N, C-alpha and C. Protein backbone atom coordinates (compact mmCIF):
# COMPACT_ATOMS: atom_id res chain seq x y z
N MET A 1 0.76 -1.02 -0.02
CA MET A 1 0.16 -0.09 0.25
C MET A 1 0.99 1.26 -0.26
N THR A 2 0.21 2.42 -0.45
CA THR A 2 1.15 3.53 -0.64
C THR A 2 1.25 4.44 0.45
N ILE A 3 1.86 5.21 0.71
CA ILE A 3 1.69 6.26 1.92
C ILE A 3 0.60 7.00 1.47
N ALA A 4 -0.23 7.43 0.40
CA ALA A 4 -1.35 8.10 0.08
C ALA A 4 -2.53 7.23 0.40
N GLY A 5 -2.22 5.83 0.32
CA GLY A 5 -3.53 4.55 0.58
C GLY A 5 -3.47 4.85 2.00
N TRP A 6 -2.39 4.48 2.79
CA TRP A 6 -2.43 4.79 4.23
C TRP A 6 -3.37 5.96 4.86
N ILE A 7 -2.66 7.22 4.44
CA ILE A 7 -3.45 8.30 4.50
C ILE A 7 -5.04 8.39 4.61
N GLY A 8 -5.14 7.66 3.30
CA GLY A 8 -6.85 8.11 3.11
C GLY A 8 -7.56 7.11 3.76
N ALA A 9 -7.14 5.87 3.96
CA ALA A 9 -7.64 4.95 5.00
C ALA A 9 -7.97 4.85 6.07
N ALA A 10 -6.74 5.74 6.89
CA ALA A 10 -6.71 6.45 8.14
C ALA A 10 -7.73 7.37 8.28
N GLY A 11 -7.73 8.41 7.40
CA GLY A 11 -8.87 9.17 7.43
C GLY A 11 -10.09 8.67 7.34
N ALA A 12 -10.41 7.85 6.34
CA ALA A 12 -12.02 7.38 6.39
C ALA A 12 -12.22 6.69 7.74
N VAL A 13 -11.51 5.80 8.34
CA VAL A 13 -11.85 5.28 9.27
C VAL A 13 -11.78 5.97 10.50
N LEU A 14 -10.80 6.99 10.97
CA LEU A 14 -10.77 8.11 11.65
C LEU A 14 -12.50 9.21 12.02
N PHE A 15 -12.43 9.07 10.71
CA PHE A 15 -13.95 10.17 10.40
C PHE A 15 -14.97 9.28 11.29
N VAL A 16 -15.02 7.85 10.78
CA VAL A 16 -16.29 7.41 11.35
C VAL A 16 -16.05 7.37 12.99
N VAL A 17 -14.84 6.70 13.39
CA VAL A 17 -14.40 6.66 14.94
C VAL A 17 -14.78 7.90 15.84
N VAL A 18 -14.57 8.85 15.15
CA VAL A 18 -14.63 10.42 15.88
C VAL A 18 -15.97 10.72 16.14
N PHE A 19 -16.82 10.74 14.90
CA PHE A 19 -18.05 11.05 14.90
C PHE A 19 -19.35 9.85 16.04
N LEU A 20 -18.80 8.86 15.83
CA LEU A 20 -19.41 8.01 16.72
C LEU A 20 -18.92 8.06 17.96
N LEU A 21 -17.92 8.32 18.70
CA LEU A 21 -17.26 8.65 20.00
C LEU A 21 -17.93 9.92 20.45
N GLU A 22 -17.94 10.67 19.56
CA GLU A 22 -18.54 12.23 19.82
C GLU A 22 -20.10 12.33 20.14
N GLY A 23 -20.58 11.45 19.33
CA GLY A 23 -22.22 11.61 19.54
C GLY A 23 -22.58 10.80 20.65
N ARG A 24 -21.54 9.70 21.19
CA ARG A 24 -22.21 9.21 22.45
C ARG A 24 -21.75 9.96 23.72
N VAL A 25 -20.87 10.94 23.55
CA VAL A 25 -20.51 11.67 24.57
C VAL A 25 -20.86 13.08 24.80
N ARG A 26 -21.69 13.57 23.60
CA ARG A 26 -21.73 14.90 24.03
C ARG A 26 -23.17 15.02 24.81
N PRO A 27 -23.16 15.98 25.61
CA PRO A 27 -24.41 16.17 26.38
C PRO A 27 -25.17 16.81 25.25
N GLY A 28 -26.61 16.49 25.45
CA GLY A 28 -27.92 16.60 24.67
C GLY A 28 -27.89 16.42 23.26
N TYR A 29 -26.91 15.51 22.80
CA TYR A 29 -26.94 15.10 21.33
C TYR A 29 -27.22 13.38 21.31
N SER A 30 -28.26 13.64 20.22
CA SER A 30 -29.01 12.12 20.05
C SER A 30 -28.10 11.62 18.92
N PRO A 31 -27.57 10.70 18.99
CA PRO A 31 -26.94 10.12 17.45
C PRO A 31 -28.25 9.36 16.37
N VAL A 32 -29.03 9.12 17.28
CA VAL A 32 -30.27 8.44 16.54
C VAL A 32 -31.01 9.71 15.79
N ARG A 33 -31.23 10.64 16.50
CA ARG A 33 -31.96 11.78 15.91
C ARG A 33 -31.61 12.85 15.03
N HIS A 34 -30.12 13.25 15.52
CA HIS A 34 -29.05 14.50 15.10
C HIS A 34 -28.22 13.94 13.96
N PRO A 35 -27.94 14.92 13.07
CA PRO A 35 -27.08 14.35 11.82
C PRO A 35 -25.50 14.52 12.37
N VAL A 36 -24.78 13.89 11.79
CA VAL A 36 -23.09 14.16 12.41
C VAL A 36 -22.79 15.64 12.21
N SER A 37 -23.31 16.34 11.02
CA SER A 37 -22.87 17.58 11.21
C SER A 37 -23.27 18.75 12.51
N ALA A 38 -24.40 18.42 13.37
CA ALA A 38 -24.61 18.99 14.23
C ALA A 38 -23.76 18.72 15.30
N LEU A 39 -22.52 17.89 15.48
CA LEU A 39 -21.47 17.70 16.24
C LEU A 39 -20.69 18.74 16.05
N ALA A 40 -20.61 19.68 14.98
CA ALA A 40 -19.75 21.13 15.02
C ALA A 40 -20.15 22.16 15.38
N LEU A 41 -21.18 21.89 16.21
CA LEU A 41 -21.94 22.90 17.08
C LEU A 41 -21.59 22.83 18.48
N GLY A 42 -21.83 24.02 19.27
CA GLY A 42 -21.58 24.18 20.62
C GLY A 42 -20.02 24.03 20.95
N PRO A 43 -19.60 23.99 22.36
CA PRO A 43 -18.36 23.87 22.73
C PRO A 43 -17.27 23.23 22.11
N ARG A 44 -17.80 22.12 22.09
CA ARG A 44 -16.80 20.84 21.31
C ARG A 44 -17.18 20.78 19.81
N GLY A 45 -17.63 21.77 19.48
CA GLY A 45 -17.75 21.43 17.99
C GLY A 45 -16.77 21.37 17.31
N TRP A 46 -15.58 21.95 17.79
CA TRP A 46 -14.25 22.02 16.96
C TRP A 46 -13.53 20.67 16.77
N ILE A 47 -14.17 19.83 17.48
CA ILE A 47 -13.50 18.43 17.16
C ILE A 47 -14.07 18.01 15.86
N GLN A 48 -15.46 17.99 15.86
CA GLN A 48 -16.12 17.76 14.56
C GLN A 48 -15.82 18.44 13.24
N THR A 49 -15.38 19.66 13.55
CA THR A 49 -14.88 20.33 12.45
C THR A 49 -13.63 19.89 11.99
N LEU A 50 -12.90 19.77 13.11
CA LEU A 50 -11.25 19.23 12.59
C LEU A 50 -11.51 17.77 11.93
N ASN A 51 -12.26 17.11 12.56
CA ASN A 51 -12.65 15.83 12.04
C ASN A 51 -13.03 15.94 10.56
N PHE A 52 -13.84 16.69 10.24
CA PHE A 52 -14.42 17.04 8.96
C PHE A 52 -12.98 17.53 8.09
N LEU A 53 -12.64 18.42 8.50
CA LEU A 53 -11.22 19.02 7.71
C LEU A 53 -10.14 18.15 7.17
N LEU A 54 -9.71 17.27 8.49
CA LEU A 54 -8.41 16.63 8.46
C LEU A 54 -8.86 15.18 7.77
N CYS A 55 -9.80 14.80 7.95
CA CYS A 55 -10.40 13.36 7.23
C CYS A 55 -10.67 13.67 6.04
N GLY A 56 -11.33 14.50 5.56
CA GLY A 56 -11.76 14.90 4.34
C GLY A 56 -10.33 15.26 3.36
N ALA A 57 -9.39 15.95 4.12
CA ALA A 57 -8.03 16.13 3.37
C ALA A 57 -7.49 14.84 3.02
N ALA A 58 -7.43 13.89 4.24
CA ALA A 58 -6.85 12.56 4.25
C ALA A 58 -7.44 11.90 2.86
N VAL A 59 -8.70 11.55 3.00
CA VAL A 59 -9.46 10.75 1.99
C VAL A 59 -9.21 11.47 0.55
N ALA A 60 -9.24 12.61 0.31
CA ALA A 60 -8.89 13.40 -0.94
C ALA A 60 -7.38 13.00 -1.71
N VAL A 61 -6.50 13.02 -0.61
CA VAL A 61 -4.84 12.50 -0.74
C VAL A 61 -5.05 10.94 -1.15
N GLY A 62 -5.92 9.83 -0.46
CA GLY A 62 -5.90 8.87 -0.91
C GLY A 62 -6.37 8.65 -2.25
N GLY A 63 -7.27 9.42 -2.61
CA GLY A 63 -8.17 9.40 -4.08
C GLY A 63 -6.98 9.66 -5.12
N ALA A 64 -6.33 10.69 -4.73
CA ALA A 64 -5.23 11.30 -5.47
C ALA A 64 -4.24 10.22 -5.80
N GLY A 65 -3.87 9.37 -4.85
CA GLY A 65 -2.68 8.38 -4.86
C GLY A 65 -3.57 7.10 -5.92
N ILE A 66 -4.58 6.96 -5.91
CA ILE A 66 -5.34 5.90 -6.73
C ILE A 66 -5.34 6.17 -8.18
N VAL A 67 -5.25 7.97 -8.49
CA VAL A 67 -5.11 8.46 -9.77
C VAL A 67 -3.33 8.00 -10.05
N ILE A 68 -2.76 8.37 -9.37
CA ILE A 68 -1.13 8.63 -9.48
C ILE A 68 -0.74 7.06 -9.72
N THR A 69 -1.15 6.13 -8.99
CA THR A 69 -0.56 4.92 -9.26
C THR A 69 -1.69 3.92 -10.27
N GLY A 70 -2.47 4.60 -10.98
CA GLY A 70 -3.10 4.11 -12.32
C GLY A 70 -3.75 3.29 -12.15
N VAL A 71 -4.09 2.78 -10.86
CA VAL A 71 -5.38 1.72 -10.71
C VAL A 71 -6.39 2.00 -11.47
N SER A 72 -6.99 3.30 -11.20
CA SER A 72 -8.16 3.66 -11.83
C SER A 72 -8.30 5.15 -11.90
N PRO A 73 -7.96 5.98 -12.67
CA PRO A 73 -8.12 7.28 -12.55
C PRO A 73 -9.34 7.87 -12.17
N VAL A 74 -10.34 7.29 -12.93
CA VAL A 74 -11.83 7.66 -12.84
C VAL A 74 -12.49 7.40 -11.32
N LEU A 75 -11.86 6.50 -10.69
CA LEU A 75 -12.04 5.92 -9.18
C LEU A 75 -11.44 6.84 -8.24
N GLY A 76 -10.18 7.36 -8.53
CA GLY A 76 -9.50 7.99 -7.71
C GLY A 76 -10.16 9.21 -7.93
N ILE A 77 -10.42 9.85 -8.88
CA ILE A 77 -10.97 11.59 -8.93
C ILE A 77 -12.14 11.27 -8.30
N VAL A 78 -13.26 10.45 -8.12
CA VAL A 78 -14.26 10.26 -7.41
C VAL A 78 -14.20 10.45 -6.18
N LEU A 79 -13.39 9.24 -5.52
CA LEU A 79 -12.80 9.35 -4.08
C LEU A 79 -12.30 10.55 -3.79
N ALA A 80 -11.16 11.17 -4.40
CA ALA A 80 -11.05 12.71 -3.89
C ALA A 80 -11.81 13.67 -3.74
N ILE A 81 -13.06 13.51 -4.57
CA ILE A 81 -13.93 14.20 -4.68
C ILE A 81 -15.10 14.10 -3.32
N VAL A 82 -14.91 12.80 -2.94
CA VAL A 82 -15.72 12.53 -1.69
C VAL A 82 -14.96 13.30 -0.41
N GLY A 83 -13.64 13.19 -0.60
CA GLY A 83 -12.63 13.91 0.30
C GLY A 83 -12.96 15.34 0.47
N VAL A 84 -13.45 16.01 -0.93
CA VAL A 84 -13.58 17.46 -0.72
C VAL A 84 -14.90 17.54 -0.28
N GLY A 85 -15.59 16.78 -0.71
CA GLY A 85 -16.95 17.05 0.22
C GLY A 85 -16.89 16.90 1.94
N LEU A 86 -15.97 16.21 2.03
CA LEU A 86 -16.04 16.12 3.67
C LEU A 86 -15.57 17.37 4.08
N LEU A 87 -14.22 17.75 3.45
CA LEU A 87 -13.73 19.08 3.69
C LEU A 87 -14.19 20.23 3.82
N LEU A 88 -14.97 20.42 2.89
CA LEU A 88 -16.01 21.53 2.29
C LEU A 88 -17.08 21.56 3.76
N SER A 89 -17.60 20.36 4.11
CA SER A 89 -18.82 20.15 5.10
C SER A 89 -18.18 20.70 6.39
N GLY A 90 -16.77 20.59 6.34
CA GLY A 90 -16.37 21.36 7.84
C GLY A 90 -15.80 22.77 7.64
N THR A 91 -15.98 23.22 6.48
CA THR A 91 -15.71 24.63 6.49
C THR A 91 -16.98 25.56 6.32
N PHE A 92 -18.19 24.96 6.42
CA PHE A 92 -19.43 25.67 6.58
C PHE A 92 -20.11 24.83 7.47
N ARG A 93 -20.45 25.57 8.73
CA ARG A 93 -21.45 24.77 9.61
C ARG A 93 -22.77 25.09 9.40
N MET A 94 -23.56 24.00 9.71
CA MET A 94 -24.94 24.16 9.97
C MET A 94 -25.29 24.82 11.15
N ASP A 95 -26.79 25.40 10.99
CA ASP A 95 -27.14 26.09 12.24
C ASP A 95 -27.72 25.27 13.03
N PRO A 96 -27.80 25.70 14.38
CA PRO A 96 -28.59 24.93 15.58
C PRO A 96 -29.89 24.40 14.92
N VAL A 97 -30.52 23.24 15.10
CA VAL A 97 -31.76 22.77 14.80
C VAL A 97 -31.85 21.63 15.74
N ARG A 98 -33.34 21.62 15.92
CA ARG A 98 -34.03 20.33 16.27
C ARG A 98 -33.55 20.12 17.75
N GLY A 99 -33.38 21.03 18.54
CA GLY A 99 -33.04 20.88 19.88
C GLY A 99 -31.71 20.64 20.43
N TYR A 100 -30.74 21.01 18.97
CA TYR A 100 -29.17 20.56 19.64
C TYR A 100 -28.60 21.82 19.09
N PRO A 101 -27.49 22.52 19.59
CA PRO A 101 -27.24 22.33 21.04
C PRO A 101 -28.36 22.38 22.10
N PRO A 102 -28.04 22.18 23.07
CA PRO A 102 -29.14 22.15 24.23
C PRO A 102 -29.54 23.72 24.18
N GLY A 103 -30.87 23.89 24.27
CA GLY A 103 -31.34 25.17 24.50
C GLY A 103 -31.97 25.69 23.27
N THR A 104 -31.74 25.01 21.90
CA THR A 104 -32.29 25.33 20.55
C THR A 104 -33.48 24.57 20.67
N PRO A 105 -34.58 25.66 20.18
CA PRO A 105 -35.93 24.96 20.07
C PRO A 105 -36.14 24.02 19.28
N ASP A 106 -36.78 23.01 19.47
CA ASP A 106 -36.98 21.70 19.10
C ASP A 106 -37.73 22.16 17.59
N GLY A 107 -37.18 21.47 16.47
CA GLY A 107 -37.67 21.83 14.97
C GLY A 107 -36.59 22.49 14.12
N ASP A 108 -37.12 22.77 12.91
CA ASP A 108 -36.20 23.94 12.21
C ASP A 108 -36.54 25.04 12.42
N PRO A 109 -35.37 26.38 12.33
CA PRO A 109 -35.63 27.49 12.24
C PRO A 109 -36.36 28.39 11.05
N PRO A 110 -37.24 29.24 11.29
CA PRO A 110 -37.94 29.67 10.18
C PRO A 110 -37.04 30.03 8.95
N SER A 111 -35.70 30.55 9.07
CA SER A 111 -34.98 30.71 8.04
C SER A 111 -33.35 30.32 8.45
N THR A 112 -32.57 30.01 7.55
CA THR A 112 -31.34 29.63 7.75
C THR A 112 -30.25 30.63 7.47
N SER A 113 -29.07 30.46 8.05
CA SER A 113 -28.19 31.29 7.32
C SER A 113 -27.02 30.66 6.16
N ILE A 114 -26.59 31.69 5.66
CA ILE A 114 -25.93 31.41 4.31
C ILE A 114 -24.89 30.32 4.59
N TRP A 115 -24.42 30.31 5.68
CA TRP A 115 -23.34 29.09 5.89
C TRP A 115 -24.25 27.79 5.99
N HIS A 116 -25.38 27.79 6.82
CA HIS A 116 -25.98 26.58 6.79
C HIS A 116 -26.51 25.79 5.26
N ARG A 117 -26.82 27.14 4.56
CA ARG A 117 -27.26 26.77 3.12
C ARG A 117 -26.15 26.23 2.30
N LEU A 118 -24.67 26.54 2.50
CA LEU A 118 -23.76 26.51 2.01
C LEU A 118 -23.30 24.97 2.35
N HIS A 119 -23.41 24.66 3.41
CA HIS A 119 -23.52 23.38 4.36
C HIS A 119 -23.93 22.35 3.35
N ASP A 120 -25.60 22.80 3.45
CA ASP A 120 -26.43 21.89 2.66
C ASP A 120 -25.74 21.49 1.27
N VAL A 121 -25.24 22.48 0.50
CA VAL A 121 -24.94 22.56 -1.06
C VAL A 121 -23.43 21.35 -1.22
N VAL A 122 -22.64 21.62 -0.11
CA VAL A 122 -21.42 21.13 -0.16
C VAL A 122 -21.64 19.59 0.22
N GLY A 123 -22.57 19.43 1.43
CA GLY A 123 -22.67 17.87 1.76
C GLY A 123 -23.38 17.25 0.66
N MET A 124 -23.90 17.73 -0.20
CA MET A 124 -24.57 16.67 -1.38
C MET A 124 -23.35 15.97 -2.34
N ILE A 125 -22.22 16.80 -2.28
CA ILE A 125 -21.17 16.58 -3.00
C ILE A 125 -20.80 15.04 -2.23
N LEU A 126 -20.47 14.74 -1.11
CA LEU A 126 -20.56 13.69 -0.44
C LEU A 126 -21.48 12.93 -0.58
N PHE A 127 -22.87 13.28 -0.57
CA PHE A 127 -23.84 12.00 -0.55
C PHE A 127 -23.98 11.72 -2.01
N LEU A 128 -23.44 12.42 -3.30
CA LEU A 128 -23.59 12.06 -4.35
C LEU A 128 -22.41 11.17 -4.85
N ALA A 129 -21.26 11.57 -4.49
CA ALA A 129 -19.84 11.19 -5.04
C ALA A 129 -19.62 10.03 -4.11
N LEU A 130 -20.09 9.56 -3.18
CA LEU A 130 -19.58 8.29 -2.34
C LEU A 130 -20.52 7.35 -3.16
N PRO A 131 -21.74 7.15 -3.39
CA PRO A 131 -22.25 5.83 -4.27
C PRO A 131 -22.07 5.96 -5.80
N ALA A 132 -21.53 7.26 -6.17
CA ALA A 132 -20.89 7.02 -7.62
C ALA A 132 -19.56 6.39 -7.41
N ALA A 133 -18.78 6.59 -6.52
CA ALA A 133 -17.67 5.78 -6.34
C ALA A 133 -17.52 4.39 -6.28
N ALA A 134 -18.57 4.03 -5.39
CA ALA A 134 -18.91 2.58 -5.30
C ALA A 134 -19.34 1.96 -6.60
N ALA A 135 -20.22 2.64 -7.07
CA ALA A 135 -20.81 2.27 -8.86
C ALA A 135 -19.52 2.38 -9.63
N VAL A 136 -18.78 3.12 -9.77
CA VAL A 136 -17.27 2.98 -10.37
C VAL A 136 -16.64 1.93 -9.93
N ALA A 137 -16.17 1.75 -9.00
CA ALA A 137 -15.45 0.39 -8.39
C ALA A 137 -15.89 -0.66 -8.90
N ALA A 138 -17.30 -0.73 -9.04
CA ALA A 138 -17.82 -2.05 -9.49
C ALA A 138 -17.64 -2.56 -10.68
N PHE A 139 -17.11 -1.31 -11.52
CA PHE A 139 -16.63 -1.80 -13.14
C PHE A 139 -15.39 -2.04 -12.84
N VAL A 140 -14.39 -1.31 -12.37
CA VAL A 140 -13.10 -1.07 -12.33
C VAL A 140 -12.18 -1.81 -11.67
N LEU A 141 -12.71 -2.18 -10.40
CA LEU A 141 -11.86 -2.96 -9.70
C LEU A 141 -11.78 -4.24 -10.15
N PRO A 142 -10.18 -4.75 -10.00
CA PRO A 142 -9.97 -6.15 -10.48
C PRO A 142 -10.57 -7.06 -9.38
N GLY A 143 -11.05 -8.25 -9.56
CA GLY A 143 -11.84 -9.49 -8.84
C GLY A 143 -13.11 -9.41 -8.73
N LEU A 144 -13.72 -10.51 -8.77
CA LEU A 144 -15.30 -10.54 -8.93
C LEU A 144 -15.75 -10.23 -7.63
N ALA A 145 -15.21 -10.70 -6.23
CA ALA A 145 -15.69 -9.97 -4.98
C ALA A 145 -15.45 -8.57 -4.83
N TRP A 146 -14.56 -7.90 -5.40
CA TRP A 146 -14.74 -6.30 -5.29
C TRP A 146 -15.63 -5.95 -6.02
N LYS A 147 -15.85 -6.59 -7.00
CA LYS A 147 -17.00 -5.72 -8.26
C LYS A 147 -18.23 -6.30 -7.55
N ILE A 148 -18.80 -7.43 -6.83
CA ILE A 148 -19.80 -7.44 -6.32
C ILE A 148 -20.07 -6.78 -5.05
N LEU A 149 -19.05 -6.53 -4.09
CA LEU A 149 -18.99 -5.73 -3.06
C LEU A 149 -19.27 -4.49 -3.26
N SER A 150 -18.65 -3.88 -4.15
CA SER A 150 -18.79 -2.50 -4.49
C SER A 150 -20.09 -2.40 -5.05
N GLY A 151 -20.75 -3.31 -6.14
CA GLY A 151 -21.98 -2.96 -6.53
C GLY A 151 -23.27 -3.12 -5.35
N VAL A 152 -22.70 -4.12 -4.46
CA VAL A 152 -24.00 -3.80 -3.02
C VAL A 152 -23.82 -2.75 -2.51
N VAL A 153 -22.60 -2.05 -2.37
CA VAL A 153 -22.10 -0.90 -1.57
C VAL A 153 -23.32 0.03 -2.10
N ALA A 154 -22.90 0.58 -3.41
CA ALA A 154 -23.25 1.51 -4.25
C ALA A 154 -25.09 1.40 -4.43
N LEU A 155 -25.55 0.30 -4.29
CA LEU A 155 -26.88 0.13 -4.09
C LEU A 155 -27.26 0.75 -2.76
N TRP A 156 -26.68 -0.01 -1.59
CA TRP A 156 -27.20 0.59 -0.26
C TRP A 156 -27.13 1.75 -0.05
N LEU A 157 -25.81 2.55 -0.53
CA LEU A 157 -25.61 3.90 -0.64
C LEU A 157 -26.89 4.72 -0.98
N VAL A 158 -27.07 4.31 -2.40
CA VAL A 158 -28.22 4.99 -3.27
C VAL A 158 -29.68 4.89 -2.07
N GLY A 159 -30.03 3.94 -1.55
CA GLY A 159 -31.07 3.46 -0.99
C GLY A 159 -31.09 4.52 0.52
N THR A 160 -29.93 4.61 1.03
CA THR A 160 -29.91 4.94 2.35
C THR A 160 -29.69 6.68 2.11
N VAL A 161 -29.20 7.19 0.94
CA VAL A 161 -29.02 8.55 0.94
C VAL A 161 -30.57 9.07 0.64
N ALA A 162 -31.29 8.46 -0.07
CA ALA A 162 -32.68 8.69 -0.38
C ALA A 162 -33.52 8.52 0.96
N ALA A 163 -33.10 7.59 1.66
CA ALA A 163 -33.84 7.46 2.98
C ALA A 163 -33.61 8.59 3.90
N PHE A 164 -32.25 8.85 3.98
CA PHE A 164 -31.94 9.98 4.68
C PHE A 164 -32.40 11.62 4.20
N GLY A 165 -32.63 11.83 3.14
CA GLY A 165 -33.42 12.81 2.41
C GLY A 165 -34.94 12.74 3.05
N ALA A 166 -35.39 11.61 2.92
CA ALA A 166 -36.72 11.64 3.37
C ALA A 166 -36.93 11.92 4.75
N ALA A 167 -35.96 10.97 5.74
CA ALA A 167 -35.93 11.32 7.06
C ALA A 167 -35.63 12.99 7.48
N TRP A 168 -34.98 13.29 6.88
CA TRP A 168 -34.59 14.79 7.12
C TRP A 168 -35.77 15.84 7.11
N GLU A 169 -36.26 15.75 5.66
CA GLU A 169 -37.43 16.37 5.47
C GLU A 169 -38.90 16.35 6.03
N ASN A 170 -38.59 15.14 6.78
CA ASN A 170 -39.98 14.74 7.52
C ASN A 170 -39.61 14.84 9.37
N ASP A 171 -38.36 15.67 9.68
CA ASP A 171 -38.03 15.38 10.98
C ASP A 171 -38.29 14.28 11.45
N SER A 172 -37.54 12.99 10.92
CA SER A 172 -37.83 11.64 11.59
C SER A 172 -36.92 11.75 12.94
N PRO A 173 -37.33 11.08 14.08
CA PRO A 173 -36.92 10.98 15.03
C PRO A 173 -35.65 9.82 14.84
N ARG A 174 -35.42 9.36 13.90
CA ARG A 174 -34.22 8.62 13.50
C ARG A 174 -33.43 9.06 12.17
N THR A 175 -33.32 10.40 11.82
CA THR A 175 -32.75 10.73 10.90
C THR A 175 -31.40 10.66 11.34
N GLY A 176 -30.60 10.80 12.61
CA GLY A 176 -29.19 10.40 12.45
C GLY A 176 -28.94 9.18 12.41
N LEU A 177 -29.67 8.09 12.86
CA LEU A 177 -29.46 7.02 12.62
C LEU A 177 -29.64 6.36 11.07
N VAL A 178 -30.49 6.82 10.37
CA VAL A 178 -30.48 6.51 8.97
C VAL A 178 -29.35 7.27 8.13
N GLN A 179 -28.55 8.28 8.60
CA GLN A 179 -27.54 8.99 7.98
C GLN A 179 -26.46 8.18 8.41
N ARG A 180 -26.19 7.82 9.68
CA ARG A 180 -25.14 6.95 9.98
C ARG A 180 -25.06 5.56 9.16
N ALA A 181 -26.21 5.01 8.82
CA ALA A 181 -26.31 3.91 8.18
C ALA A 181 -25.74 3.91 6.70
N PHE A 182 -25.87 5.21 6.37
CA PHE A 182 -25.34 5.67 4.91
C PHE A 182 -23.67 5.94 5.20
N LEU A 183 -23.08 6.74 6.16
CA LEU A 183 -21.56 6.98 6.29
C LEU A 183 -21.02 6.00 6.72
N VAL A 184 -21.36 5.28 7.70
CA VAL A 184 -20.66 4.10 8.50
C VAL A 184 -20.11 3.00 7.12
N PRO A 185 -21.05 2.61 6.46
CA PRO A 185 -20.28 1.51 5.70
C PRO A 185 -19.82 2.09 4.43
N GLY A 186 -20.62 3.46 4.03
CA GLY A 186 -19.68 3.92 2.94
C GLY A 186 -18.34 4.47 3.33
N MET A 187 -18.10 4.88 4.30
CA MET A 187 -16.63 5.49 4.72
C MET A 187 -15.77 4.29 5.07
N LEU A 188 -16.10 2.69 5.48
CA LEU A 188 -15.23 1.98 5.81
C LEU A 188 -15.08 1.30 4.42
N TRP A 189 -16.07 1.39 3.61
CA TRP A 189 -15.63 0.73 2.23
C TRP A 189 -14.48 1.68 1.24
N THR A 190 -14.62 2.72 1.62
CA THR A 190 -13.74 3.93 1.25
C THR A 190 -12.44 3.59 1.36
N ALA A 191 -12.51 3.15 2.98
CA ALA A 191 -11.06 3.09 3.39
C ALA A 191 -10.58 1.84 2.86
N ALA A 192 -11.52 0.58 2.70
CA ALA A 192 -10.92 -0.34 2.24
C ALA A 192 -10.49 -0.54 0.65
N VAL A 193 -11.23 0.27 -0.12
CA VAL A 193 -10.52 0.49 -1.52
C VAL A 193 -9.46 1.55 -1.70
N ILE A 194 -9.28 2.47 -0.89
CA ILE A 194 -8.07 3.20 -0.96
C ILE A 194 -6.97 2.52 -0.41
N SER A 195 -7.18 1.63 0.29
CA SER A 195 -6.03 1.01 0.92
C SER A 195 -5.39 -0.26 -0.09
N LEU A 196 -6.45 -0.80 -1.12
CA LEU A 196 -5.96 -1.45 -1.91
C LEU A 196 -4.46 -1.33 -2.46
């Protein structure tokens, strides 16, 4: 494995580890209800912001490594875009919503800041690029097992991103859980592919 592969894989795994741990220990935060991005709010918000920035940069480096090694330039570019999506998500924070941080009214605010709207836009980069990367990998990775696994992951990610969108729009009490059903397998698959 290349140095870029190690960096990218570590970044993808670390991203998941940090948001899972922070979600468990953060006062007033519900990992079942609240999105990962809400962890960038409040006094400990810097931890998730740094998580977005460092891990996003690391995944982008891993994707660039795939381009450089010639495994698949298209797959490498799409994985680098996944990293850029994470990095930009850390650049623009969402507004307090749905009771988090504690003291925030339950539900959505009547209007959102430009930073929140930018966060939503750049977040779509991640939510579109990750299933696209898995779909590309189903065609370009060597070995039948990797093709099948990547195809299954692509279908799972498409389904869970659609479910997350619906959960968010309907203020589902399980919005955070649905988002994690997208992020955890998607980022662990990313780590495995970047480390090839």
